Full PDB file with SEQRES, HELIX, SHEET, SSBOND, CRYST1, ORIGX, SCALE, CONECT and MASTER records, all heavy atoms in Angstrom:
SEQRES   1 A   45  LEU GLN LEU ARG ASP ILE PRO LEU VAL SER ILE THR LYS          
SEQRES   2 A   45  LEU HIS ASP ASN THR LEU ALA SER LEU SER THR VAL ASN          
SEQRES   3 A   45  LEU TYR VAL SER PRO ALA ARG PHE GLN LEU ASP LYS GLU          
SEQRES   4 A   45  GLY ASP GLY ARG PRO PRO                                      
HELIX    1 AA1 THR A   18  LEU A   22  1                                   5    
SHEET    1 AA1 2 VAL A   9  LYS A  13  0                                        
SHEET    2 AA1 2 VAL A  25  VAL A  29  1                                        
CRYST1    1.000    1.000    1.000  90.00  90.00  90.00 P 1           1          
ORIGX1      1.000000  0.000000  0.000000        0.00000                         
ORIGX2      0.000000  1.000000  0.000000        0.00000                         
ORIGX3      0.000000  0.000000  1.000000        0.00000                         
SCALE1      1.000000  0.000000  0.000000        0.00000                         
SCALE2      0.000000  1.000000  0.000000        0.00000                         
SCALE3      0.000000  0.000000  1.000000        0.00000                         
ATOM      1  N   LEU A   1      42.900   1.953  -6.505  1.00  0.00           N  
ATOM      2  CA  LEU A   1      41.719   1.773  -5.609  1.00  0.00           C  
ATOM      3  C   LEU A   1      40.485   1.498  -6.293  1.00  0.00           C  
ATOM      4  O   LEU A   1      39.665   0.623  -5.949  1.00  0.00           O  
ATOM      5  CB  LEU A   1      41.645   2.952  -4.582  1.00  0.00           C  
ATOM      6  CG  LEU A   1      42.744   3.178  -3.623  1.00  0.00           C  
ATOM      7  CD1 LEU A   1      42.547   4.430  -2.813  1.00  0.00           C  
ATOM      8  CD2 LEU A   1      42.958   1.966  -2.652  1.00  0.00           C  
ATOM      9  N   GLN A   2      40.253   2.260  -7.392  1.00  0.00           N  
ATOM     10  CA  GLN A   2      39.008   2.064  -8.151  1.00  0.00           C  
ATOM     11  C   GLN A   2      38.955   0.708  -8.743  1.00  0.00           C  
ATOM     12  O   GLN A   2      37.886   0.066  -8.777  1.00  0.00           O  
ATOM     13  CB  GLN A   2      38.929   3.169  -9.186  1.00  0.00           C  
ATOM     14  CG  GLN A   2      37.528   3.157  -9.966  1.00  0.00           C  
ATOM     15  CD  GLN A   2      37.567   4.140 -11.086  1.00  0.00           C  
ATOM     16  OE1 GLN A   2      38.302   4.044 -12.049  1.00  0.00           O  
ATOM     17  NE2 GLN A   2      36.651   5.156 -11.054  1.00  0.00           N  
ATOM     18  N   LEU A   3      40.061   0.222  -9.225  1.00  0.00           N  
ATOM     19  CA  LEU A   3      40.152  -1.170  -9.877  1.00  0.00           C  
ATOM     20  C   LEU A   3      39.785  -2.192  -8.781  1.00  0.00           C  
ATOM     21  O   LEU A   3      39.225  -3.279  -9.192  1.00  0.00           O  
ATOM     22  CB  LEU A   3      41.516  -1.399 -10.415  1.00  0.00           C  
ATOM     23  CG  LEU A   3      41.826  -0.674 -11.743  1.00  0.00           C  
ATOM     24  CD1 LEU A   3      43.381  -0.895 -12.072  1.00  0.00           C  
ATOM     25  CD2 LEU A   3      40.924  -1.039 -12.832  1.00  0.00           C  
ATOM     26  N   ARG A   4      40.066  -1.914  -7.548  1.00  0.00           N  
ATOM     27  CA  ARG A   4      39.787  -2.872  -6.519  1.00  0.00           C  
ATOM     28  C   ARG A   4      38.498  -2.634  -5.770  1.00  0.00           C  
ATOM     29  O   ARG A   4      38.085  -3.248  -4.811  1.00  0.00           O  
ATOM     30  CB  ARG A   4      40.884  -2.799  -5.396  1.00  0.00           C  
ATOM     31  CG  ARG A   4      42.222  -3.373  -5.988  1.00  0.00           C  
ATOM     32  CD  ARG A   4      43.357  -3.157  -4.947  1.00  0.00           C  
ATOM     33  NE  ARG A   4      44.582  -3.896  -5.297  1.00  0.00           N  
ATOM     34  CZ  ARG A   4      45.462  -3.505  -6.204  1.00  0.00           C  
ATOM     35  NH1 ARG A   4      45.264  -2.364  -6.917  1.00  0.00           N  
ATOM     36  NH2 ARG A   4      46.611  -4.219  -6.425  1.00  0.00           N  
ATOM     37  N   ASP A   5      37.699  -1.610  -6.263  1.00  0.00           N  
ATOM     38  CA  ASP A   5      36.395  -1.223  -5.663  1.00  0.00           C  
ATOM     39  C   ASP A   5      36.591  -0.839  -4.208  1.00  0.00           C  
ATOM     40  O   ASP A   5      35.774  -1.102  -3.347  1.00  0.00           O  
ATOM     41  CB  ASP A   5      35.339  -2.343  -5.774  1.00  0.00           C  
ATOM     42  CG  ASP A   5      34.973  -2.593  -7.236  1.00  0.00           C  
ATOM     43  OD1 ASP A   5      34.906  -1.599  -7.986  1.00  0.00           O  
ATOM     44  OD2 ASP A   5      34.636  -3.766  -7.568  1.00  0.00           O  
ATOM     45  N   ILE A   6      37.719  -0.141  -3.870  1.00  0.00           N  
ATOM     46  CA  ILE A   6      37.921   0.323  -2.511  1.00  0.00           C  
ATOM     47  C   ILE A   6      37.372   1.748  -2.376  1.00  0.00           C  
ATOM     48  O   ILE A   6      37.707   2.620  -3.170  1.00  0.00           O  
ATOM     49  CB  ILE A   6      39.422   0.295  -2.181  1.00  0.00           C  
ATOM     50  CG1 ILE A   6      40.076  -0.991  -2.539  1.00  0.00           C  
ATOM     51  CG2 ILE A   6      39.656   0.694  -0.729  1.00  0.00           C  
ATOM     52  CD1 ILE A   6      39.588  -2.194  -1.764  1.00  0.00           C  
ATOM     53  N   PRO A   7      36.520   1.977  -1.356  1.00  0.00           N  
ATOM     54  CA  PRO A   7      35.955   3.348  -1.186  1.00  0.00           C  
ATOM     55  C   PRO A   7      37.001   4.397  -1.002  1.00  0.00           C  
ATOM     56  O   PRO A   7      38.015   4.189  -0.271  1.00  0.00           O  
ATOM     57  CB  PRO A   7      35.069   3.192   0.090  1.00  0.00           C  
ATOM     58  CG  PRO A   7      34.775   1.707   0.131  1.00  0.00           C  
ATOM     59  CD  PRO A   7      36.035   1.030  -0.379  1.00  0.00           C  
ATOM     60  N   LEU A   8      36.778   5.524  -1.650  1.00  0.00           N  
ATOM     61  CA  LEU A   8      37.724   6.630  -1.551  1.00  0.00           C  
ATOM     62  C   LEU A   8      36.989   8.008  -1.424  1.00  0.00           C  
ATOM     63  O   LEU A   8      36.153   8.309  -2.163  1.00  0.00           O  
ATOM     64  CB  LEU A   8      38.598   6.672  -2.844  1.00  0.00           C  
ATOM     65  CG  LEU A   8      39.478   7.927  -3.056  1.00  0.00           C  
ATOM     66  CD1 LEU A   8      40.519   8.093  -1.936  1.00  0.00           C  
ATOM     67  CD2 LEU A   8      40.180   7.894  -4.416  1.00  0.00           C  
ATOM     68  N   VAL A   9      37.416   8.736  -0.348  1.00  0.00           N  
ATOM     69  CA  VAL A   9      36.879  10.028  -0.087  1.00  0.00           C  
ATOM     70  C   VAL A   9      38.030  10.953  -0.502  1.00  0.00           C  
ATOM     71  O   VAL A   9      39.176  10.910   0.023  1.00  0.00           O  
ATOM     72  CB  VAL A   9      36.475  10.283   1.338  1.00  0.00           C  
ATOM     73  CG1 VAL A   9      36.012  11.700   1.533  1.00  0.00           C  
ATOM     74  CG2 VAL A   9      35.368   9.336   1.735  1.00  0.00           C  
ATOM     75  N   SER A  10      37.774  11.992  -1.356  1.00  0.00           N  
ATOM     76  CA  SER A  10      38.820  12.972  -1.738  1.00  0.00           C  
ATOM     77  C   SER A  10      38.382  14.273  -1.257  1.00  0.00           C  
ATOM     78  O   SER A  10      37.222  14.711  -1.302  1.00  0.00           O  
ATOM     79  CB  SER A  10      39.108  12.968  -3.223  1.00  0.00           C  
ATOM     80  OG  SER A  10      37.936  13.335  -3.967  1.00  0.00           O  
ATOM     81  N   ILE A  11      39.399  15.110  -0.861  1.00  0.00           N  
ATOM     82  CA  ILE A  11      39.138  16.518  -0.534  1.00  0.00           C  
ATOM     83  C   ILE A  11      40.042  17.327  -1.472  1.00  0.00           C  
ATOM     84  O   ILE A  11      41.286  17.241  -1.403  1.00  0.00           O  
ATOM     85  CB  ILE A  11      39.484  16.805   0.951  1.00  0.00           C  
ATOM     86  CG1 ILE A  11      38.576  15.974   1.852  1.00  0.00           C  
ATOM     87  CG2 ILE A  11      39.346  18.281   1.255  1.00  0.00           C  
ATOM     88  CD1 ILE A  11      38.935  16.142   3.348  1.00  0.00           C  
ATOM     89  N   THR A  12      39.426  18.092  -2.388  1.00  0.00           N  
ATOM     90  CA  THR A  12      40.195  18.873  -3.370  1.00  0.00           C  
ATOM     91  C   THR A  12      39.626  20.235  -3.530  1.00  0.00           C  
ATOM     92  O   THR A  12      38.547  20.559  -3.029  1.00  0.00           O  
ATOM     93  CB  THR A  12      40.092  18.158  -4.747  1.00  0.00           C  
ATOM     94  OG1 THR A  12      38.799  18.226  -5.226  1.00  0.00           O  
ATOM     95  CG2 THR A  12      40.480  16.713  -4.661  1.00  0.00           C  
ATOM     96  N   LYS A  13      40.344  21.076  -4.250  1.00  0.00           N  
ATOM     97  CA  LYS A  13      39.848  22.401  -4.625  1.00  0.00           C  
ATOM     98  C   LYS A  13      38.743  22.150  -5.680  1.00  0.00           C  
ATOM     99  O   LYS A  13      38.810  21.166  -6.415  1.00  0.00           O  
ATOM    100  CB  LYS A  13      40.953  23.249  -5.272  1.00  0.00           C  
ATOM    101  CG  LYS A  13      40.494  24.620  -5.724  1.00  0.00           C  
ATOM    102  CD  LYS A  13      41.775  25.329  -6.314  1.00  0.00           C  
ATOM    103  CE  LYS A  13      41.358  26.674  -6.875  1.00  0.00           C  
ATOM    104  NZ  LYS A  13      42.519  27.380  -7.398  1.00  0.00           N  
ATOM    105  N   LEU A  14      37.726  22.995  -5.710  1.00  0.00           N  
ATOM    106  CA  LEU A  14      36.593  22.850  -6.611  1.00  0.00           C  
ATOM    107  C   LEU A  14      37.058  23.202  -7.992  1.00  0.00           C  
ATOM    108  O   LEU A  14      37.137  24.410  -8.375  1.00  0.00           O  
ATOM    109  CB  LEU A  14      35.415  23.703  -6.169  1.00  0.00           C  
ATOM    110  CG  LEU A  14      34.227  23.695  -7.206  1.00  0.00           C  
ATOM    111  CD1 LEU A  14      33.718  22.280  -7.442  1.00  0.00           C  
ATOM    112  CD2 LEU A  14      33.110  24.583  -6.723  1.00  0.00           C  
ATOM    113  N   HIS A  15      37.313  22.194  -8.831  1.00  0.00           N  
ATOM    114  CA  HIS A  15      37.538  22.419 -10.248  1.00  0.00           C  
ATOM    115  C   HIS A  15      37.578  21.052 -10.841  1.00  0.00           C  
ATOM    116  O   HIS A  15      37.671  20.006 -10.125  1.00  0.00           O  
ATOM    117  CB  HIS A  15      38.882  23.128 -10.555  1.00  0.00           C  
ATOM    118  CG  HIS A  15      40.102  22.397 -10.204  1.00  0.00           C  
ATOM    119  ND1 HIS A  15      41.008  21.901 -11.107  1.00  0.00           N  
ATOM    120  CD2 HIS A  15      40.627  22.093  -8.957  1.00  0.00           C  
ATOM    121  CE1 HIS A  15      41.903  21.270 -10.486  1.00  0.00           C  
ATOM    122  NE2 HIS A  15      41.777  21.337  -9.169  1.00  0.00           N  
ATOM    123  N   ASP A  16      37.516  20.949 -12.157  1.00  0.00           N  
ATOM    124  CA  ASP A  16      37.561  19.676 -12.876  1.00  0.00           C  
ATOM    125  C   ASP A  16      38.889  18.982 -12.651  1.00  0.00           C  
ATOM    126  O   ASP A  16      39.929  19.508 -13.009  1.00  0.00           O  
ATOM    127  CB  ASP A  16      37.317  19.929 -14.389  1.00  0.00           C  
ATOM    128  CG  ASP A  16      37.515  18.632 -15.223  1.00  0.00           C  
ATOM    129  OD1 ASP A  16      37.207  17.609 -14.753  1.00  0.00           O  
ATOM    130  OD2 ASP A  16      37.866  18.760 -16.328  1.00  0.00           O  
ATOM    131  N   ASN A  17      38.874  17.866 -11.897  1.00  0.00           N  
ATOM    132  CA  ASN A  17      40.158  17.153 -11.677  1.00  0.00           C  
ATOM    133  C   ASN A  17      39.966  15.630 -11.667  1.00  0.00           C  
ATOM    134  O   ASN A  17      38.867  15.141 -11.402  1.00  0.00           O  
ATOM    135  CB  ASN A  17      40.777  17.657 -10.331  1.00  0.00           C  
ATOM    136  CG  ASN A  17      39.960  17.274  -9.140  1.00  0.00           C  
ATOM    137  OD1 ASN A  17      40.175  16.095  -8.649  1.00  0.00           O  
ATOM    138  ND2 ASN A  17      39.102  18.085  -8.627  1.00  0.00           N  
ATOM    139  N   THR A  18      41.073  14.922 -11.939  1.00  0.00           N  
ATOM    140  CA  THR A  18      41.021  13.501 -12.082  1.00  0.00           C  
ATOM    141  C   THR A  18      40.621  12.822 -10.798  1.00  0.00           C  
ATOM    142  O   THR A  18      39.904  11.831 -10.808  1.00  0.00           O  
ATOM    143  CB  THR A  18      42.369  13.008 -12.582  1.00  0.00           C  
ATOM    144  OG1 THR A  18      42.684  13.685 -13.907  1.00  0.00           O  
ATOM    145  CG2 THR A  18      42.366  11.519 -12.857  1.00  0.00           C  
ATOM    146  N   LEU A  19      41.228  13.271  -9.690  1.00  0.00           N  
ATOM    147  CA  LEU A  19      41.010  12.581  -8.470  1.00  0.00           C  
ATOM    148  C   LEU A  19      39.475  12.567  -8.077  1.00  0.00           C  
ATOM    149  O   LEU A  19      39.013  11.590  -7.629  1.00  0.00           O  
ATOM    150  CB  LEU A  19      41.895  13.239  -7.314  1.00  0.00           C  
ATOM    151  CG  LEU A  19      41.669  12.717  -5.913  1.00  0.00           C  
ATOM    152  CD1 LEU A  19      41.901  11.158  -5.814  1.00  0.00           C  
ATOM    153  CD2 LEU A  19      42.428  13.436  -4.870  1.00  0.00           C  
ATOM    154  N   ALA A  20      38.946  13.679  -8.211  1.00  0.00           N  
ATOM    155  CA  ALA A  20      37.505  13.817  -7.902  1.00  0.00           C  
ATOM    156  C   ALA A  20      36.653  12.861  -8.637  1.00  0.00           C  
ATOM    157  O   ALA A  20      35.716  12.226  -8.165  1.00  0.00           O  
ATOM    158  CB  ALA A  20      37.022  15.213  -8.071  1.00  0.00           C  
ATOM    159  N   SER A  21      36.994  12.727 -10.004  1.00  0.00           N  
ATOM    160  CA  SER A  21      36.200  11.853 -10.820  1.00  0.00           C  
ATOM    161  C   SER A  21      36.462  10.326 -10.491  1.00  0.00           C  
ATOM    162  O   SER A  21      35.612   9.512 -10.839  1.00  0.00           O  
ATOM    163  CB  SER A  21      36.620  12.085 -12.354  1.00  0.00           C  
ATOM    164  OG  SER A  21      37.920  11.698 -12.566  1.00  0.00           O  
ATOM    165  N   LEU A  22      37.561  10.015  -9.821  1.00  0.00           N  
ATOM    166  CA  LEU A  22      37.841   8.637  -9.480  1.00  0.00           C  
ATOM    167  C   LEU A  22      37.338   8.305  -8.033  1.00  0.00           C  
ATOM    168  O   LEU A  22      37.384   7.150  -7.601  1.00  0.00           O  
ATOM    169  CB  LEU A  22      39.349   8.401  -9.535  1.00  0.00           C  
ATOM    170  CG  LEU A  22      40.017   8.418 -10.906  1.00  0.00           C  
ATOM    171  CD1 LEU A  22      41.500   8.406 -10.805  1.00  0.00           C  
ATOM    172  CD2 LEU A  22      39.508   7.272 -11.773  1.00  0.00           C  
ATOM    173  N   SER A  23      36.879   9.256  -7.370  1.00  0.00           N  
ATOM    174  CA  SER A  23      36.498   9.099  -5.955  1.00  0.00           C  
ATOM    175  C   SER A  23      35.035   8.573  -5.783  1.00  0.00           C  
ATOM    176  O   SER A  23      34.186   8.906  -6.552  1.00  0.00           O  
ATOM    177  CB  SER A  23      36.695  10.377  -5.099  1.00  0.00           C  
ATOM    178  OG  SER A  23      38.007  10.889  -5.241  1.00  0.00           O  
ATOM    179  N   THR A  24      34.884   7.884  -4.659  1.00  0.00           N  
ATOM    180  CA  THR A  24      33.523   7.465  -4.316  1.00  0.00           C  
ATOM    181  C   THR A  24      32.725   8.721  -3.833  1.00  0.00           C  
ATOM    182  O   THR A  24      31.586   8.840  -4.175  1.00  0.00           O  
ATOM    183  CB  THR A  24      33.546   6.430  -3.137  1.00  0.00           C  
ATOM    184  OG1 THR A  24      34.446   5.394  -3.438  1.00  0.00           O  
ATOM    185  CG2 THR A  24      32.148   5.791  -2.924  1.00  0.00           C  
ATOM    186  N   VAL A  25      33.382   9.521  -3.106  1.00  0.00           N  
ATOM    187  CA  VAL A  25      32.801  10.753  -2.564  1.00  0.00           C  
ATOM    188  C   VAL A  25      33.846  11.875  -2.714  1.00  0.00           C  
ATOM    189  O   VAL A  25      35.028  11.652  -2.331  1.00  0.00           O  
ATOM    190  CB  VAL A  25      32.319  10.687  -1.148  1.00  0.00           C  
ATOM    191  CG1 VAL A  25      31.759  12.032  -0.663  1.00  0.00           C  
ATOM    192  CG2 VAL A  25      31.253   9.621  -0.954  1.00  0.00           C  
ATOM    193  N   ASN A  26      33.468  12.989  -3.282  1.00  0.00           N  
ATOM    194  CA  ASN A  26      34.421  14.174  -3.344  1.00  0.00           C  
ATOM    195  C   ASN A  26      33.899  15.319  -2.509  1.00  0.00           C  
ATOM    196  O   ASN A  26      32.781  15.735  -2.670  1.00  0.00           O  
ATOM    197  CB  ASN A  26      34.606  14.626  -4.779  1.00  0.00           C  
ATOM    198  CG  ASN A  26      35.466  15.846  -4.882  1.00  0.00           C  
ATOM    199  OD1 ASN A  26      34.992  16.899  -5.370  1.00  0.00           O  
ATOM    200  ND2 ASN A  26      36.678  15.858  -4.328  1.00  0.00           N  
ATOM    201  N   LEU A  27      34.755  15.764  -1.525  1.00  0.00           N  
ATOM    202  CA  LEU A  27      34.452  16.962  -0.779  1.00  0.00           C  
ATOM    203  C   LEU A  27      35.277  18.018  -1.276  1.00  0.00           C  
ATOM    204  O   LEU A  27      36.534  17.885  -1.354  1.00  0.00           O  
ATOM    205  CB  LEU A  27      34.659  16.673   0.749  1.00  0.00           C  
ATOM    206  CG  LEU A  27      33.953  15.457   1.344  1.00  0.00           C  
ATOM    207  CD1 LEU A  27      34.343  15.317   2.814  1.00  0.00           C  
ATOM    208  CD2 LEU A  27      32.440  15.665   1.279  1.00  0.00           C  
ATOM    209  N   TYR A  28      34.730  19.146  -1.677  1.00  0.00           N  
ATOM    210  CA  TYR A  28      35.451  20.215  -2.343  1.00  0.00           C  
ATOM    211  C   TYR A  28      35.426  21.509  -1.541  1.00  0.00           C  
ATOM    212  O   TYR A  28      34.539  21.714  -0.741  1.00  0.00           O  
ATOM    213  CB  TYR A  28      35.008  20.437  -3.746  1.00  0.00           C  
ATOM    214  CG  TYR A  28      33.580  20.962  -3.806  1.00  0.00           C  
ATOM    215  CD1 TYR A  28      33.339  22.281  -3.667  1.00  0.00           C  
ATOM    216  CD2 TYR A  28      32.517  20.103  -3.867  1.00  0.00           C  
ATOM    217  CE1 TYR A  28      31.989  22.798  -3.698  1.00  0.00           C  
ATOM    218  CE2 TYR A  28      31.233  20.589  -3.874  1.00  0.00           C  
ATOM    219  CZ  TYR A  28      30.965  21.929  -3.784  1.00  0.00           C  
ATOM    220  OH  TYR A  28      29.675  22.368  -3.826  1.00  0.00           O  
ATOM    221  N   VAL A  29      36.389  22.304  -1.719  1.00  0.00           N  
ATOM    222  CA  VAL A  29      36.467  23.674  -1.074  1.00  0.00           C  
ATOM    223  C   VAL A  29      36.845  24.631  -2.167  1.00  0.00           C  
ATOM    224  O   VAL A  29      37.311  24.271  -3.214  1.00  0.00           O  
ATOM    225  CB  VAL A  29      37.386  23.688   0.095  1.00  0.00           C  
ATOM    226  CG1 VAL A  29      36.959  22.868   1.238  1.00  0.00           C  
ATOM    227  CG2 VAL A  29      38.798  23.337  -0.323  1.00  0.00           C  
ATOM    228  N   SER A  30      36.581  25.870  -1.875  1.00  0.00           N  
ATOM    229  CA  SER A  30      36.967  26.985  -2.770  1.00  0.00           C  
ATOM    230  C   SER A  30      37.803  27.996  -2.079  1.00  0.00           C  
ATOM    231  O   SER A  30      37.307  28.918  -1.487  1.00  0.00           O  
ATOM    232  CB  SER A  30      35.641  27.669  -3.309  1.00  0.00           C  
ATOM    233  OG  SER A  30      34.888  26.702  -4.028  1.00  0.00           O  
ATOM    234  N   PRO A  31      39.181  27.796  -2.105  1.00  0.00           N  
ATOM    235  CA  PRO A  31      40.123  28.793  -1.505  1.00  0.00           C  
ATOM    236  C   PRO A  31      39.988  30.089  -2.233  1.00  0.00           C  
ATOM    237  O   PRO A  31      39.468  30.199  -3.326  1.00  0.00           O  
ATOM    238  CB  PRO A  31      41.441  28.098  -1.666  1.00  0.00           C  
ATOM    239  CG  PRO A  31      41.197  26.787  -2.063  1.00  0.00           C  
ATOM    240  CD  PRO A  31      39.881  26.726  -2.769  1.00  0.00           C  
ATOM    241  N   ALA A  32      40.510  31.197  -1.609  1.00  0.00           N  
ATOM    242  CA  ALA A  32      40.474  32.505  -2.256  1.00  0.00           C  
ATOM    243  C   ALA A  32      41.852  33.182  -2.033  1.00  0.00           C  
ATOM    244  O   ALA A  32      42.471  32.910  -1.042  1.00  0.00           O  
ATOM    245  CB  ALA A  32      39.356  33.392  -1.726  1.00  0.00           C  
ATOM    246  N   ARG A  33      42.191  33.989  -3.002  1.00  0.00           N  
ATOM    247  CA  ARG A  33      43.346  34.781  -2.880  1.00  0.00           C  
ATOM    248  C   ARG A  33      43.060  36.246  -2.587  1.00  0.00           C  
ATOM    249  O   ARG A  33      42.103  36.796  -3.091  1.00  0.00           O  
ATOM    250  CB  ARG A  33      44.196  34.775  -4.251  1.00  0.00           C  
ATOM    251  CG  ARG A  33      44.709  33.349  -4.571  1.00  0.00           C  
ATOM    252  CD  ARG A  33      45.437  33.358  -5.851  1.00  0.00           C  
ATOM    253  NE  ARG A  33      46.016  32.042  -6.227  1.00  0.00           N  
ATOM    254  CZ  ARG A  33      47.158  31.604  -5.851  1.00  0.00           C  
ATOM    255  NH1 ARG A  33      48.030  32.404  -5.153  1.00  0.00           N  
ATOM    256  NH2 ARG A  33      47.616  30.374  -6.189  1.00  0.00           N  
ATOM    257  N   PHE A  34      43.940  36.856  -1.735  1.00  0.00           N  
ATOM    258  CA  PHE A  34      43.704  38.253  -1.307  1.00  0.00           C  
ATOM    259  C   PHE A  34      44.984  39.006  -1.581  1.00  0.00           C  
ATOM    260  O   PHE A  34      46.080  38.606  -1.129  1.00  0.00           O  
ATOM    261  CB  PHE A  34      43.347  38.311   0.179  1.00  0.00           C  
ATOM    262  CG  PHE A  34      42.041  37.586   0.502  1.00  0.00           C  
ATOM    263  CD1 PHE A  34      42.046  36.203   0.749  1.00  0.00           C  
ATOM    264  CD2 PHE A  34      40.913  38.241   0.540  1.00  0.00           C  
ATOM    265  CE1 PHE A  34      40.885  35.571   1.030  1.00  0.00           C  
ATOM    266  CE2 PHE A  34      39.679  37.670   0.837  1.00  0.00           C  
ATOM    267  CZ  PHE A  34      39.685  36.290   1.101  1.00  0.00           C  
ATOM    268  N   GLN A  35      44.911  40.104  -2.243  1.00  0.00           N  
ATOM    269  CA  GLN A  35      45.999  41.012  -2.537  1.00  0.00           C  
ATOM    270  C   GLN A  35      46.198  41.885  -1.336  1.00  0.00           C  
ATOM    271  O   GLN A  35      45.493  42.841  -1.075  1.00  0.00           O  
ATOM    272  CB  GLN A  35      45.794  41.851  -3.776  1.00  0.00           C  
ATOM    273  CG  GLN A  35      46.969  42.554  -4.261  1.00  0.00           C  
ATOM    274  CD  GLN A  35      48.056  41.612  -4.756  1.00  0.00           C  
ATOM    275  OE1 GLN A  35      47.778  40.732  -5.572  1.00  0.00           O  
ATOM    276  NE2 GLN A  35      49.316  41.809  -4.323  1.00  0.00           N  
ATOM    277  N   LEU A  36      47.298  41.567  -0.570  1.00  0.00           N  
ATOM    278  CA  LEU A  36      47.600  42.361   0.676  1.00  0.00           C  
ATOM    279  C   LEU A  36      48.418  43.587   0.392  1.00  0.00           C  
ATOM    280  O   LEU A  36      48.486  44.483   1.161  1.00  0.00           O  
ATOM    281  CB  LEU A  36      48.267  41.455   1.682  1.00  0.00           C  
ATOM    282  CG  LEU A  36      47.543  40.199   2.052  1.00  0.00           C  
ATOM    283  CD1 LEU A  36      48.354  39.411   3.171  1.00  0.00           C  
ATOM    284  CD2 LEU A  36      46.123  40.470   2.568  1.00  0.00           C  
ATOM    285  N   ASP A  37      49.195  43.599  -0.684  1.00  0.00           N  
ATOM    286  CA  ASP A  37      50.072  44.672  -1.008  1.00  0.00           C  
ATOM    287  C   ASP A  37      49.664  45.270  -2.398  1.00  0.00           C  
ATOM    288  O   ASP A  37      48.784  44.788  -3.102  1.00  0.00           O  
ATOM    289  CB  ASP A  37      51.474  44.139  -1.114  1.00  0.00           C  
ATOM    290  CG  ASP A  37      51.876  43.458   0.170  1.00  0.00           C  
ATOM    291  OD1 ASP A  37      52.168  44.143   1.169  1.00  0.00           O  
ATOM    292  OD2 ASP A  37      52.043  42.226   0.130  1.00  0.00           O  
ATOM    293  N   LYS A  38      50.297  46.361  -2.689  1.00  0.00           N  
ATOM    294  CA  LYS A  38      49.959  46.988  -3.987  1.00  0.00           C  
ATOM    295  C   LYS A  38      50.296  46.086  -5.108  1.00  0.00           C  
ATOM    296  O   LYS A  38      51.366  45.462  -5.110  1.00  0.00           O  
ATOM    297  CB  LYS A  38      50.739  48.309  -4.087  1.00  0.00           C  
ATOM    298  CG  LYS A  38      50.266  49.405  -3.124  1.00  0.00           C  
ATOM    299  CD  LYS A  38      51.125  50.665  -3.349  1.00  0.00           C  
ATOM    300  CE  LYS A  38      50.637  51.798  -2.372  1.00  0.00           C  
ATOM    301  NZ  LYS A  38      51.390  52.994  -2.502  1.00  0.00           N  
ATOM    302  N   GLU A  39      49.390  45.996  -6.110  1.00  0.00           N  
ATOM    303  CA  GLU A  39      49.693  45.179  -7.267  1.00  0.00           C  
ATOM    304  C   GLU A  39      50.951  45.711  -8.032  1.00  0.00           C  
ATOM    305  O   GLU A  39      51.158  46.903  -8.190  1.00  0.00           O  
ATOM    306  CB  GLU A  39      48.508  45.217  -8.177  1.00  0.00           C  
ATOM    307  CG  GLU A  39      47.232  44.564  -7.553  1.00  0.00           C  
ATOM    308  CD  GLU A  39      46.152  44.383  -8.576  1.00  0.00           C  
ATOM    309  OE1 GLU A  39      46.475  44.101  -9.781  1.00  0.00           O  
ATOM    310  OE2 GLU A  39      44.977  44.472  -8.188  1.00  0.00           O  
ATOM    311  N   GLY A  40      51.691  44.771  -8.467  1.00  0.00           N  
ATOM    312  CA  GLY A  40      52.892  45.143  -9.193  1.00  0.00           C  
ATOM    313  C   GLY A  40      54.165  45.222  -8.384  1.00  0.00           C  
ATOM    314  O   GLY A  40      55.235  45.448  -8.834  1.00  0.00           O  
ATOM    315  N   ASP A  41      54.033  44.925  -7.022  1.00  0.00           N  
ATOM    316  CA  ASP A  41      55.259  45.002  -6.201  1.00  0.00           C  
ATOM    317  C   ASP A  41      55.975  43.640  -6.172  1.00  0.00           C  
ATOM    318  O   ASP A  41      57.042  43.556  -5.466  1.00  0.00           O  
ATOM    319  CB  ASP A  41      54.895  45.450  -4.804  1.00  0.00           C  
ATOM    320  CG  ASP A  41      54.007  44.418  -4.059  1.00  0.00           C  
ATOM    321  OD1 ASP A  41      53.632  43.395  -4.661  1.00  0.00           O  
ATOM    322  OD2 ASP A  41      53.715  44.652  -2.860  1.00  0.00           O  
ATOM    323  N   GLY A  42      55.499  42.671  -6.936  1.00  0.00           N  
ATOM    324  CA  GLY A  42      56.174  41.397  -6.976  1.00  0.00           C  
ATOM    325  C   GLY A  42      55.772  40.370  -5.980  1.00  0.00           C  
ATOM    326  O   GLY A  42      56.223  39.217  -6.081  1.00  0.00           O  
ATOM    327  N   ARG A  43      55.020  40.788  -5.000  1.00  0.00           N  
ATOM    328  CA  ARG A  43      54.623  39.808  -3.990  1.00  0.00           C  
ATOM    329  C   ARG A  43      53.346  39.111  -4.404  1.00  0.00           C  
ATOM    330  O   ARG A  43      52.392  39.673  -4.818  1.00  0.00           O  
ATOM    331  CB  ARG A  43      54.387  40.508  -2.656  1.00  0.00           C  
ATOM    332  CG  ARG A  43      55.597  41.161  -2.001  1.00  0.00           C  
ATOM    333  CD  ARG A  43      55.270  41.685  -0.665  1.00  0.00           C  
ATOM    334  NE  ARG A  43      56.428  42.360  -0.096  1.00  0.00           N  
ATOM    335  CZ  ARG A  43      56.423  42.902   1.195  1.00  0.00           C  
ATOM    336  NH1 ARG A  43      55.375  42.854   1.902  1.00  0.00           N  
ATOM    337  NH2 ARG A  43      57.518  43.494   1.647  1.00  0.00           N  
ATOM    338  N   PRO A  44      53.340  37.745  -4.222  1.00  0.00           N  
ATOM    339  CA  PRO A  44      52.153  36.961  -4.668  1.00  0.00           C  
ATOM    340  C   PRO A  44      51.059  37.236  -3.648  1.00  0.00           C  
ATOM    341  O   PRO A  44      51.212  37.582  -2.453  1.00  0.00           O  
ATOM    342  CB  PRO A  44      52.630  35.524  -4.523  1.00  0.00           C  
ATOM    343  CG  PRO A  44      53.674  35.574  -3.462  1.00  0.00           C  
ATOM    344  CD  PRO A  44      54.408  36.879  -3.607  1.00  0.00           C  
ATOM    345  N   PRO A  45      49.725  37.045  -4.067  1.00  0.00           N  
ATOM    346  CA  PRO A  45      48.600  37.205  -3.192  1.00  0.00           C  
ATOM    347  C   PRO A  45      48.640  36.204  -2.056  1.00  0.00           C  
ATOM    348  O   PRO A  45      49.164  35.159  -2.187  1.00  0.00           O  
ATOM    349  CB  PRO A  45      47.380  37.047  -4.138  1.00  0.00           C  
ATOM    350  CG  PRO A  45      47.970  37.193  -5.475  1.00  0.00           C  
ATOM    351  CD  PRO A  45      49.378  36.732  -5.468  1.00  0.00           C  
TER     352      PRO A  45                                                      
MASTER        0    0    0    1    2    0    0    6  351    1    0    4          
END                                                                             
């Protein structure tokens, strides 16, 4: 799309990434992880 000068809006997690750098406009968000169980029980946040 960039080679063709086609406008691109991307929605990504906020961090250094290739898609954001190639986009006309980047909208970013910052997800968060929450530990619901005791740490070490093997369950992911």
